[in-house]
Structure formats: C-alpha cells, structure tokens
Amino acid sequence: MTGDEQWGRLQRRRERIRAEIRRNRAGGHRIPTWVLAAVLGVVLLGWAWLILGR
C-alpha cells in the first residue's frame, strides 16, 4: 500500500467521523438521553440489588 492510498483512507475515515459528530450534535434522537440514563440507572440498581441483596 502506498503512502497516497494510506493518506486517502485516513482522510475518508476522518470525514466519516466528522459527519457522525455533526449528526450527533444536530440532535433528532428518537429516545431522549435522560430516558436512556434513567433506564441504565434502573438496570444497575436492579443488578446491585440481586448481587448484594442475597
């Protein structure tokens, strides 16, 4: 693989990452972040209760 091919691949990867960041910053999420955080909290509390409660 030549240096030009590697550079082109790196540039395409960087552009994909930038596009993903732009999409994430634009919002439009189907599920609000606070809902995901609350679900995660419930799961972790349930897991801790199962482990420590027995």
N, C-alpha and C. Protein backbone atom coordinates (compact mmCIF):
# COMPACT_ATOMS: atom_id res chain seq x y z
N MET A 1 0.86 -1.17 0.00
CA MET A 1 0.00 0.00 0.00
C MET A 1 0.90 1.23 0.00
N THR A 2 0.61 2.14 -0.89
CA THR A 2 1.44 3.34 -1.00
C THR A 2 1.02 4.39 0.01
N GLY A 3 1.87 5.39 0.15
CA GLY A 3 1.56 6.47 1.08
C GLY A 3 0.31 7.23 0.69
N ASP A 4 0.10 7.40 -0.63
CA ASP A 4 -1.10 8.11 -1.10
C ASP A 4 -2.37 7.34 -0.76
N GLU A 5 -2.33 6.01 -0.88
CA GLU A 5 -3.51 5.20 -0.55
C GLU A 5 -3.82 5.28 0.93
N GLN A 6 -2.78 5.23 1.75
CA GLN A 6 -2.98 5.32 3.19
C GLN A 6 -3.54 6.69 3.56
N TRP A 7 -3.02 7.74 2.92
CA TRP A 7 -3.49 9.09 3.22
C TRP A 7 -4.95 9.25 2.82
N GLY A 8 -5.34 8.72 1.67
CA GLY A 8 -6.72 8.79 1.23
C GLY A 8 -7.65 8.04 2.17
N ARG A 9 -7.22 6.89 2.63
CA ARG A 9 -8.02 6.11 3.57
C ARG A 9 -8.19 6.87 4.89
N LEU A 10 -7.12 7.49 5.35
CA LEU A 10 -7.18 8.27 6.59
C LEU A 10 -8.13 9.45 6.43
N GLN A 11 -8.07 10.12 5.29
CA GLN A 11 -8.95 11.27 5.04
C GLN A 11 -10.42 10.84 5.01
N ARG A 12 -10.71 9.72 4.35
CA ARG A 12 -12.10 9.23 4.31
C ARG A 12 -12.58 8.86 5.70
N ARG A 13 -11.73 8.24 6.50
CA ARG A 13 -12.12 7.88 7.88
C ARG A 13 -12.40 9.14 8.70
N ARG A 14 -11.54 10.13 8.58
CA ARG A 14 -11.75 11.38 9.31
C ARG A 14 -13.06 12.04 8.90
N GLU A 15 -13.37 12.02 7.61
CA GLU A 15 -14.61 12.64 7.14
C GLU A 15 -15.83 11.88 7.65
N ARG A 16 -15.77 10.56 7.71
CA ARG A 16 -16.88 9.78 8.28
C ARG A 16 -17.09 10.13 9.74
N ILE A 17 -16.00 10.27 10.48
CA ILE A 17 -16.10 10.61 11.90
C ILE A 17 -16.69 12.00 12.06
N ARG A 18 -16.22 12.96 11.25
CA ARG A 18 -16.76 14.32 11.33
C ARG A 18 -18.25 14.34 11.00
N ALA A 19 -18.66 13.58 9.99
CA ALA A 19 -20.08 13.52 9.62
C ALA A 19 -20.91 12.93 10.75
N GLU A 20 -20.39 11.92 11.41
CA GLU A 20 -21.13 11.32 12.53
C GLU A 20 -21.26 12.30 13.69
N ILE A 21 -20.21 13.05 13.97
CA ILE A 21 -20.27 14.04 15.04
C ILE A 21 -21.29 15.12 14.69
N ARG A 22 -21.32 15.56 13.42
CA ARG A 22 -22.31 16.56 13.01
C ARG A 22 -23.73 16.03 13.20
N ARG A 23 -23.97 14.77 12.83
CA ARG A 23 -25.30 14.18 13.01
C ARG A 23 -25.67 14.11 14.48
N ASN A 24 -24.72 13.73 15.32
CA ASN A 24 -25.00 13.61 16.75
C ASN A 24 -25.29 14.98 17.37
N ARG A 25 -24.57 16.00 16.95
CA ARG A 25 -24.78 17.34 17.50
C ARG A 25 -26.10 17.94 17.03
N ALA A 26 -26.56 17.52 15.86
CA ALA A 26 -27.80 18.08 15.31
C ALA A 26 -29.01 17.64 16.13
N GLY A 27 -28.87 16.58 16.88
CA GLY A 27 -29.98 16.10 17.71
C GLY A 27 -30.88 15.18 16.91
N GLY A 28 -32.17 15.31 17.14
CA GLY A 28 -33.11 14.45 16.45
C GLY A 28 -33.09 13.02 16.96
N HIS A 29 -32.66 12.84 18.19
CA HIS A 29 -32.61 11.49 18.74
C HIS A 29 -34.03 10.98 18.97
N ARG A 30 -34.24 9.72 18.73
CA ARG A 30 -35.57 9.14 18.93
C ARG A 30 -35.90 9.00 20.40
N ILE A 31 -34.89 8.65 21.20
CA ILE A 31 -35.10 8.47 22.65
C ILE A 31 -34.23 9.52 23.35
N PRO A 32 -34.84 10.36 24.19
CA PRO A 32 -34.04 11.39 24.88
C PRO A 32 -32.95 10.76 25.76
N THR A 33 -31.87 11.48 25.90
CA THR A 33 -30.73 10.99 26.67
C THR A 33 -31.11 10.72 28.11
N TRP A 34 -31.96 11.56 28.69
CA TRP A 34 -32.33 11.36 30.09
C TRP A 34 -33.09 10.06 30.29
N VAL A 35 -33.85 9.63 29.29
CA VAL A 35 -34.56 8.35 29.39
C VAL A 35 -33.56 7.20 29.39
N LEU A 36 -32.58 7.28 28.51
CA LEU A 36 -31.55 6.24 28.47
C LEU A 36 -30.78 6.18 29.79
N ALA A 37 -30.46 7.35 30.35
CA ALA A 37 -29.75 7.40 31.63
C ALA A 37 -30.60 6.80 32.75
N ALA A 38 -31.90 7.09 32.74
CA ALA A 38 -32.79 6.55 33.77
C ALA A 38 -32.88 5.03 33.65
N VAL A 39 -32.99 4.52 32.45
CA VAL A 39 -33.06 3.07 32.24
C VAL A 39 -31.77 2.41 32.71
N LEU A 40 -30.65 3.02 32.38
CA LEU A 40 -29.36 2.48 32.82
C LEU A 40 -29.29 2.45 34.35
N GLY A 41 -29.75 3.53 34.99
CA GLY A 41 -29.76 3.58 36.45
C GLY A 41 -30.61 2.47 37.06
N VAL A 42 -31.79 2.24 36.48
CA VAL A 42 -32.67 1.18 36.99
C VAL A 42 -32.02 -0.18 36.82
N VAL A 43 -31.40 -0.41 35.69
CA VAL A 43 -30.75 -1.70 35.44
C VAL A 43 -29.62 -1.91 36.44
N LEU A 44 -28.81 -0.88 36.66
CA LEU A 44 -27.69 -1.02 37.60
C LEU A 44 -28.18 -1.23 39.02
N LEU A 45 -29.22 -0.51 39.42
CA LEU A 45 -29.77 -0.71 40.77
C LEU A 45 -30.34 -2.11 40.92
N GLY A 46 -31.03 -2.59 39.91
CA GLY A 46 -31.57 -3.96 39.97
C GLY A 46 -30.48 -4.99 40.05
N TRP A 47 -29.43 -4.79 39.28
CA TRP A 47 -28.29 -5.71 39.30
C TRP A 47 -27.63 -5.70 40.69
N ALA A 48 -27.43 -4.50 41.25
CA ALA A 48 -26.81 -4.40 42.57
C ALA A 48 -27.70 -5.06 43.63
N TRP A 49 -29.00 -4.88 43.52
CA TRP A 49 -29.93 -5.49 44.47
C TRP A 49 -29.85 -7.02 44.40
N LEU A 50 -29.75 -7.55 43.18
CA LEU A 50 -29.64 -9.01 43.03
C LEU A 50 -28.34 -9.53 43.63
N ILE A 51 -27.26 -8.81 43.41
CA ILE A 51 -25.95 -9.27 43.89
C ILE A 51 -25.83 -9.09 45.40
N LEU A 52 -26.18 -7.91 45.90
CA LEU A 52 -25.96 -7.59 47.31
C LEU A 52 -27.11 -8.00 48.22
N GLY A 53 -28.28 -8.18 47.65
CA GLY A 53 -29.45 -8.46 48.46
C GLY A 53 -29.59 -9.91 48.87
N ARG A 54 -28.78 -10.77 48.33
CA ARG A 54 -28.92 -12.20 48.64
C ARG A 54 -27.88 -12.69 49.59
